[in-house]
PDB file of N, CA and C in Angstrom:
ATOM      1  N   MET A   1     -24.740 169.832-103.416  1.00  0.00           N
ATOM      2  CA  MET A   1     -23.826 170.774-102.305  1.00  0.00           C
ATOM      3  C   MET A   1     -23.558 172.014-103.005  1.00  0.00           C
ATOM      4  N   TYR A   2     -23.352 173.269-102.302  1.00  0.00           N
ATOM      5  CA  TYR A   2     -22.949 174.348-102.796  1.00  0.00           C
ATOM      6  C   TYR A   2     -21.383 174.559-102.864  1.00  0.00           C
ATOM      7  N   LEU A   3     -21.007 174.103-101.765  1.00  0.00           N
ATOM      8  CA  LEU A   3     -19.515 174.199-101.330  1.00  0.00           C
ATOM      9  C   LEU A   3     -18.909 173.163-101.590  1.00  0.00           C
ATOM     10  N   THR A   4     -18.538 172.447-102.720  1.00  0.00           N
ATOM     11  CA  THR A   4     -18.035 171.153-102.979  1.00  0.00           C
ATOM     12  C   THR A   4     -16.567 171.311-102.429  1.00  0.00           C
ATOM     13  N   LYS A   5     -15.708 172.171-102.286  1.00  0.00           N
ATOM     14  CA  LYS A   5     -14.361 172.044-102.008  1.00  0.00           C
ATOM     15  C   LYS A   5     -14.294 172.508-100.691  1.00  0.00           C
ATOM     16  N   PHE A   6     -15.412 172.662 -99.743  1.00  0.00           N
ATOM     17  CA  PHE A   6     -15.243 173.237 -98.367  1.00  0.00           C
ATOM     18  C   PHE A   6     -16.007 172.037 -97.452  1.00  0.00           C
ATOM     19  N   ASP A   7     -15.235 171.067 -97.123  1.00  0.00           N
ATOM     20  CA  ASP A   7     -15.831 170.085 -96.472  1.00  0.00           C
ATOM     21  C   ASP A   7     -15.552 170.246 -94.871  1.00  0.00           C
ATOM     22  N   LEU A   8     -16.896 170.052 -94.432  1.00  0.00           N
ATOM     23  CA  LEU A   8     -17.062 170.195 -92.685  1.00  0.00           C
ATOM     24  C   LEU A   8     -17.609 169.043 -92.199  1.00  0.00           C
ATOM     25  N   GLU A   9     -17.517 167.748 -92.668  1.00  0.00           N
ATOM     26  CA  GLU A   9     -18.018 166.515 -92.460  1.00  0.00           C
ATOM     27  C   GLU A   9     -17.403 166.604 -90.970  1.00  0.00           C
ATOM     28  N   GLY A  10     -18.516 166.167 -90.184  1.00  0.00           N
ATOM     29  CA  GLY A  10     -18.000 165.625 -88.754  1.00  0.00           C
ATOM     30  C   GLY A  10     -17.881 166.819 -87.849  1.00  0.00           C
ATOM     31  N   ARG A  11     -17.934 167.984 -88.458  1.00  0.00           N
ATOM     32  CA  ARG A  11     -17.367 169.198 -87.442  1.00  0.00           C
ATOM     33  C   ARG A  11     -18.934 169.745 -87.225  1.00  0.00           C
ATOM     34  N   THR A  12     -18.832 170.937 -85.979  1.00  0.00           N
ATOM     35  CA  THR A  12     -19.900 171.417 -85.449  1.00  0.00           C
ATOM     36  C   THR A  12     -19.637 173.026 -85.484  1.00  0.00           C
ATOM     37  N   ALA A  13     -20.612 173.806 -86.066  1.00  0.00           N
ATOM     38  CA  ALA A  13     -20.514 175.303 -86.150  1.00  0.00           C
ATOM     39  C   ALA A  13     -21.554 175.820 -85.230  1.00  0.00           C
ATOM     40  N   ILE A  14     -21.180 176.879 -84.771  1.00  0.00           N
ATOM     41  CA  ILE A  14     -22.107 177.702 -83.940  1.00  0.00           C
ATOM     42  C   ILE A  14     -22.295 179.016 -84.439  1.00  0.00           C
ATOM     43  N   VAL A  15     -23.365 179.415 -84.888  1.00  0.00           N
ATOM     44  CA  VAL A  15     -23.885 180.431 -85.567  1.00  0.00           C
ATOM     45  C   VAL A  15     -24.570 181.782 -84.683  1.00  0.00           C
ATOM     46  N   THR A  16     -24.183 182.563 -84.306  1.00  0.00           N
ATOM     47  CA  THR A  16     -25.014 183.581 -83.651  1.00  0.00           C
ATOM     48  C   THR A  16     -25.865 184.494 -84.590  1.00  0.00           C
ATOM     49  N   GLY A  17     -27.025 184.800 -84.254  1.00  0.00           N
ATOM     50  CA  GLY A  17     -27.864 185.284 -85.293  1.00  0.00           C
ATOM     51  C   GLY A  17     -28.484 184.447 -86.320  1.00  0.00           C
ATOM     52  N   GLY A  18     -28.526 183.237 -86.098  1.00  0.00           N
ATOM     53  CA  GLY A  18     -28.603 182.224 -87.287  1.00  0.00           C
ATOM     54  C   GLY A  18     -30.039 181.953 -87.682  1.00  0.00           C
ATOM     55  N   GLY A  19     -30.842 182.725 -86.775  1.00  0.00           N
ATOM     56  CA  GLY A  19     -32.235 182.496 -86.955  1.00  0.00           C
ATOM     57  C   GLY A  19     -32.931 183.139 -88.452  1.00  0.00           C
ATOM     58  N   SER A  20     -32.222 184.271 -88.802  1.00  0.00           N
ATOM     59  CA  SER A  20     -32.872 184.901 -90.136  1.00  0.00           C
ATOM     60  C   SER A  20     -31.806 185.439 -91.069  1.00  0.00           C
ATOM     61  N   TRP A  21     -32.036 185.912 -91.950  1.00  0.00           N
ATOM     62  CA  TRP A  21     -31.056 186.783 -93.018  1.00  0.00           C
ATOM     63  C   TRP A  21     -29.731 186.168 -93.492  1.00  0.00           C
ATOM     64  N   ILE A  22     -28.949 186.814 -93.041  1.00  0.00           N
ATOM     65  CA  ILE A  22     -27.512 186.177 -93.274  1.00  0.00           C
ATOM     66  C   ILE A  22     -27.237 185.290 -92.609  1.00  0.00           C
ATOM     67  N   GLY A  23     -27.426 185.322 -91.116  1.00  0.00           N
ATOM     68  CA  GLY A  23     -26.972 184.082 -90.476  1.00  0.00           C
ATOM     69  C   GLY A  23     -27.843 182.763 -90.835  1.00  0.00           C
ATOM     70  N   LYS A  24     -29.084 183.066 -91.083  1.00  0.00           N
ATOM     71  CA  LYS A  24     -29.773 181.813 -91.648  1.00  0.00           C
ATOM     72  C   LYS A  24     -29.136 181.076 -92.643  1.00  0.00           C
ATOM     73  N   GLY A  25     -28.548 182.054 -93.955  1.00  0.00           N
ATOM     74  CA  GLY A  25     -27.783 181.529 -94.856  1.00  0.00           C
ATOM     75  C   GLY A  25     -26.557 180.927 -94.706  1.00  0.00           C
ATOM     76  N   ILE A  26     -25.769 181.377 -93.575  1.00  0.00           N
ATOM     77  CA  ILE A  26     -24.450 180.794 -93.282  1.00  0.00           C
ATOM     78  C   ILE A  26     -25.044 179.569 -92.594  1.00  0.00           C
ATOM     79  N   CYS A  27     -25.936 179.401 -91.854  1.00  0.00           N
ATOM     80  CA  CYS A  27     -26.204 177.978 -91.423  1.00  0.00           C
ATOM     81  C   CYS A  27     -26.423 177.037 -92.225  1.00  0.00           C
ATOM     82  N   LEU A  28     -27.301 177.457 -93.255  1.00  0.00           N
ATOM     83  CA  LEU A  28     -27.829 176.371 -94.125  1.00  0.00           C
ATOM     84  C   LEU A  28     -26.488 176.053 -95.310  1.00  0.00           C
ATOM     85  N   ALA A  29     -25.492 177.181 -95.518  1.00  0.00           N
ATOM     86  CA  ALA A  29     -24.544 176.625 -96.338  1.00  0.00           C
ATOM     87  C   ALA A  29     -23.535 175.933 -95.489  1.00  0.00           C
ATOM     88  N   LEU A  30     -23.239 176.056 -94.538  1.00  0.00           N
ATOM     89  CA  LEU A  30     -22.488 175.215 -93.543  1.00  0.00           C
ATOM     90  C   LEU A  30     -22.989 173.983 -93.533  1.00  0.00           C
ATOM     91  N   ALA A  31     -24.041 173.662 -93.201  1.00  0.00           N
ATOM     92  CA  ALA A  31     -24.845 172.342 -93.231  1.00  0.00           C
ATOM     93  C   ALA A  31     -24.645 171.593 -94.585  1.00  0.00           C
ATOM     94  N   GLN A  32     -24.871 172.411 -95.574  1.00  0.00           N
ATOM     95  CA  GLN A  32     -24.509 171.893 -96.867  1.00  0.00           C
ATOM     96  C   GLN A  32     -23.143 171.236 -97.058  1.00  0.00           C
ATOM     97  N   ALA A  33     -22.330 171.934 -96.323  1.00  0.00           N
ATOM     98  CA  ALA A  33     -20.843 171.497 -96.375  1.00  0.00           C
ATOM     99  C   ALA A  33     -20.717 170.470 -95.507  1.00  0.00           C
ATOM    100  N   GLY A  34     -21.564 169.918 -94.620  1.00  0.00           N
ATOM    101  CA  GLY A  34     -21.364 169.012 -93.703  1.00  0.00           C
ATOM    102  C   GLY A  34     -21.204 168.943 -92.564  1.00  0.00           C
ATOM    103  N   ALA A  35     -21.542 170.277 -92.064  1.00  0.00           N
ATOM    104  CA  ALA A  35     -21.490 170.690 -90.236  1.00  0.00           C
ATOM    105  C   ALA A  35     -22.604 170.343 -89.869  1.00  0.00           C
ATOM    106  N   ASN A  36     -22.480 170.208 -88.450  1.00  0.00           N
ATOM    107  CA  ASN A  36     -23.847 170.021 -87.544  1.00  0.00           C
ATOM    108  C   ASN A  36     -23.630 171.620 -87.384  1.00  0.00           C
ATOM    109  N   ILE A  37     -24.950 171.840 -87.038  1.00  0.00           N
ATOM    110  CA  ILE A  37     -25.191 173.392 -86.495  1.00  0.00           C
ATOM    111  C   ILE A  37     -25.919 173.935 -85.134  1.00  0.00           C
ATOM    112  N   VAL A  38     -25.152 174.577 -84.573  1.00  0.00           N
ATOM    113  CA  VAL A  38     -25.815 175.160 -83.296  1.00  0.00           C
ATOM    114  C   VAL A  38     -26.417 176.566 -83.607  1.00  0.00           C
ATOM    115  N   VAL A  39     -27.762 176.646 -83.578  1.00  0.00           N
ATOM    116  CA  VAL A  39     -28.437 177.801 -84.169  1.00  0.00           C
ATOM    117  C   VAL A  39     -28.456 178.474 -82.668  1.00  0.00           C
ATOM    118  N   VAL A  40     -27.848 180.143 -82.670  1.00  0.00           N
ATOM    119  CA  VAL A  40     -28.116 180.882 -81.459  1.00  0.00           C
ATOM    120  C   VAL A  40     -28.932 182.101 -82.051  1.00  0.00           C
ATOM    121  N   ASN A  41     -29.825 182.469 -81.639  1.00  0.00           N
ATOM    122  CA  ASN A  41     -30.685 183.645 -82.021  1.00  0.00           C
ATOM    123  C   ASN A  41     -31.707 184.020 -80.647  1.00  0.00           C
ATOM    124  N   ARG A  42     -31.784 185.257 -80.877  1.00  0.00           N
ATOM    125  CA  ARG A  42     -32.661 185.682 -79.803  1.00  0.00           C
ATOM    126  C   ARG A  42     -34.314 185.466 -79.824  1.00  0.00           C
ATOM    127  N   SER A  43     -34.638 185.215 -80.972  1.00  0.00           N
ATOM    128  CA  SER A  43     -36.206 184.530 -80.958  1.00  0.00           C
ATOM    129  C   SER A  43     -35.808 182.932 -80.996  1.00  0.00           C
ATOM    130  N   ALA A  44     -36.514 182.527 -80.254  1.00  0.00           N
ATOM    131  CA  ALA A  44     -36.664 180.816 -80.094  1.00  0.00           C
ATOM    132  C   ALA A  44     -37.423 180.486 -81.402  1.00  0.00           C
ATOM    133  N   ASN A  45     -38.666 181.236 -81.877  1.00  0.00           N
ATOM    134  CA  ASN A  45     -39.450 180.560 -83.108  1.00  0.00           C
ATOM    135  C   ASN A  45     -38.401 180.441 -84.308  1.00  0.00           C
ATOM    136  N   THR A  46     -37.620 181.590 -84.398  1.00  0.00           N
ATOM    137  CA  THR A  46     -37.007 181.483 -85.832  1.00  0.00           C
ATOM    138  C   THR A  46     -35.623 180.591 -85.459  1.00  0.00           C
ATOM    139  N   ALA A  47     -34.952 180.568 -84.181  1.00  0.00           N
ATOM    140  CA  ALA A  47     -33.824 179.523 -84.209  1.00  0.00           C
ATOM    141  C   ALA A  47     -34.449 178.170 -84.463  1.00  0.00           C
ATOM    142  N   GLU A  48     -35.357 177.839 -83.938  1.00  0.00           N
ATOM    143  CA  GLU A  48     -36.115 176.414 -84.018  1.00  0.00           C
ATOM    144  C   GLU A  48     -36.450 176.393 -85.598  1.00  0.00           C
ATOM    145  N   ALA A  49     -36.957 177.365 -86.396  1.00  0.00           N
ATOM    146  CA  ALA A  49     -37.398 177.246 -87.957  1.00  0.00           C
ATOM    147  C   ALA A  49     -35.914 176.800 -88.715  1.00  0.00           C
ATOM    148  N   THR A  50     -34.925 177.507 -88.351  1.00  0.00           N
ATOM    149  CA  THR A  50     -33.556 177.500 -89.060  1.00  0.00           C
ATOM    150  C   THR A  50     -32.859 176.177 -88.652  1.00  0.00           C
ATOM    151  N   ALA A  51     -33.069 175.554 -87.372  1.00  0.00           N
ATOM    152  CA  ALA A  51     -32.809 174.181 -87.094  1.00  0.00           C
ATOM    153  C   ALA A  51     -33.525 173.419 -87.560  1.00  0.00           C
ATOM    154  N   HIS A  52     -34.971 173.299 -88.016  1.00  0.00           N
ATOM    155  CA  HIS A  52     -35.288 172.418 -88.503  1.00  0.00           C
ATOM    156  C   HIS A  52     -35.148 172.204 -89.980  1.00  0.00           C
ATOM    157  N   GLU A  53     -34.902 173.468 -90.707  1.00  0.00           N
ATOM    158  CA  GLU A  53     -34.176 173.472 -92.087  1.00  0.00           C
ATOM    159  C   GLU A  53     -32.920 172.872 -91.946  1.00  0.00           C
ATOM    160  N   VAL A  54     -32.095 172.984 -91.198  1.00  0.00           N
ATOM    161  CA  VAL A  54     -30.953 172.087 -91.194  1.00  0.00           C
ATOM    162  C   VAL A  54     -31.027 170.881 -91.263  1.00  0.00           C
ATOM    163  N   GLN A  55     -31.959 170.351 -90.124  1.00  0.00           N
ATOM    164  CA  GLN A  55     -32.059 168.960 -90.155  1.00  0.00           C
ATOM    165  C   GLN A  55     -32.848 168.400 -91.485  1.00  0.00           C
ATOM    166  N   GLU A  56     -33.472 169.109 -92.173  1.00  0.00           N
ATOM    167  CA  GLU A  56     -34.001 168.678 -93.484  1.00  0.00           C
ATOM    168  C   GLU A  56     -32.789 168.246 -94.456  1.00  0.00           C
ATOM    169  N   ILE A  57     -31.899 169.235 -94.308  1.00  0.00           N
ATOM    170  CA  ILE A  57     -30.441 168.850 -94.882  1.00  0.00           C
ATOM    171  C   ILE A  57     -29.844 167.579 -94.812  1.00  0.00           C
ATOM    172  N   GLY A  58     -30.166 167.151 -93.600  1.00  0.00           N
ATOM    173  CA  GLY A  58     -29.430 165.713 -93.207  1.00  0.00           C
ATOM    174  C   GLY A  58     -28.601 165.895 -92.090  1.00  0.00           C
ATOM    175  N   ARG A  59     -28.496 167.223 -91.520  1.00  0.00           N
ATOM    176  CA  ARG A  59     -27.508 167.351 -90.437  1.00  0.00           C
ATOM    177  C   ARG A  59     -28.140 167.423 -88.902  1.00  0.00           C
ATOM    178  N   LYS A  60     -27.671 167.290 -88.103  1.00  0.00           N
ATOM    179  CA  LYS A  60     -27.852 167.656 -86.639  1.00  0.00           C
ATOM    180  C   LYS A  60     -28.032 169.032 -86.082  1.00  0.00           C
ATOM    181  N   SER A  61     -29.039 169.471 -85.616  1.00  0.00           N
ATOM    182  CA  SER A  61     -29.177 170.811 -85.255  1.00  0.00           C
ATOM    183  C   SER A  61     -29.448 170.952 -83.748  1.00  0.00           C
ATOM    184  N   LEU A  62     -29.201 172.212 -83.342  1.00  0.00           N
ATOM    185  CA  LEU A  62     -29.715 172.544 -81.922  1.00  0.00           C
ATOM    186  C   LEU A  62     -30.109 174.109 -82.070  1.00  0.00           C
ATOM    187  N   ALA A  63     -31.472 174.347 -81.644  1.00  0.00           N
ATOM    188  CA  ALA A  63     -31.540 175.782 -81.510  1.00  0.00           C
ATOM    189  C   ALA A  63     -31.593 176.396 -80.022  1.00  0.00           C
ATOM    190  N   ILE A  64     -30.538 177.450 -79.799  1.00  0.00           N
ATOM    191  CA  ILE A  64     -30.519 177.730 -78.033  1.00  0.00           C
ATOM    192  C   ILE A  64     -30.908 179.289 -78.396  1.00  0.00           C
ATOM    193  N   PRO A  65     -32.084 179.734 -78.068  1.00  0.00           N
ATOM    194  CA  PRO A  65     -32.467 181.358 -78.067  1.00  0.00           C
ATOM    195  C   PRO A  65     -31.826 181.893 -76.930  1.00  0.00           C
ATOM    196  N   THR A  66     -31.046 182.775 -77.220  1.00  0.00           N
ATOM    197  CA  THR A  66     -30.344 183.678 -76.170  1.00  0.00           C
ATOM    198  C   THR A  66     -29.884 185.012 -77.000  1.00  0.00           C
ATOM    199  N   ASP A  67     -29.803 185.723 -76.053  1.00  0.00           N
ATOM    200  CA  ASP A  67     -29.040 187.126 -76.431  1.00  0.00           C
ATOM    201  C   ASP A  67     -27.726 187.562 -75.873  1.00  0.00           C
ATOM    202  N   VAL A  68     -26.896 187.433 -76.965  1.00  0.00           N
ATOM    203  CA  VAL A  68     -25.264 187.117 -76.747  1.00  0.00           C
ATOM    204  C   VAL A  68     -25.002 188.461 -76.228  1.00  0.00           C
ATOM    205  N   CYS A  69     -25.697 189.977 -76.232  1.00  0.00           N
ATOM    206  CA  CYS A  69     -25.266 190.886 -75.846  1.00  0.00           C
ATOM    207  C   CYS A  69     -25.906 190.953 -74.272  1.00  0.00           C
ATOM    208  N   ASP A  70     -26.496 190.044 -73.607  1.00  0.00           N
ATOM    209  CA  ASP A  70     -26.951 189.949 -72.383  1.00  0.00           C
ATOM    210  C   ASP A  70     -25.711 189.210 -71.448  1.00  0.00           C
ATOM    211  N   LEU A  71     -24.695 189.897 -70.679  1.00  0.00           N
ATOM    212  CA  LEU A  71     -24.068 189.076 -69.834  1.00  0.00           C
ATOM    213  C   LEU A  71     -24.764 188.101 -68.868  1.00  0.00           C
TER     214      LEU A  71
END
């Protein structure tokens, strides 16, 4: 676990832009700290890929393809 003093066990994080780059890194770090992750991204493929990596860490994950700029 990367963040040994940062325990998020039993919590859920929603990460916009979580499909790639910094957002993906945030998803994986939060999952390693114990959080379940909702991956929000414009691309369904990258959201699903990140969600799968979170599940491989042993956390629940949900991919939601959406554009947060679109009201």
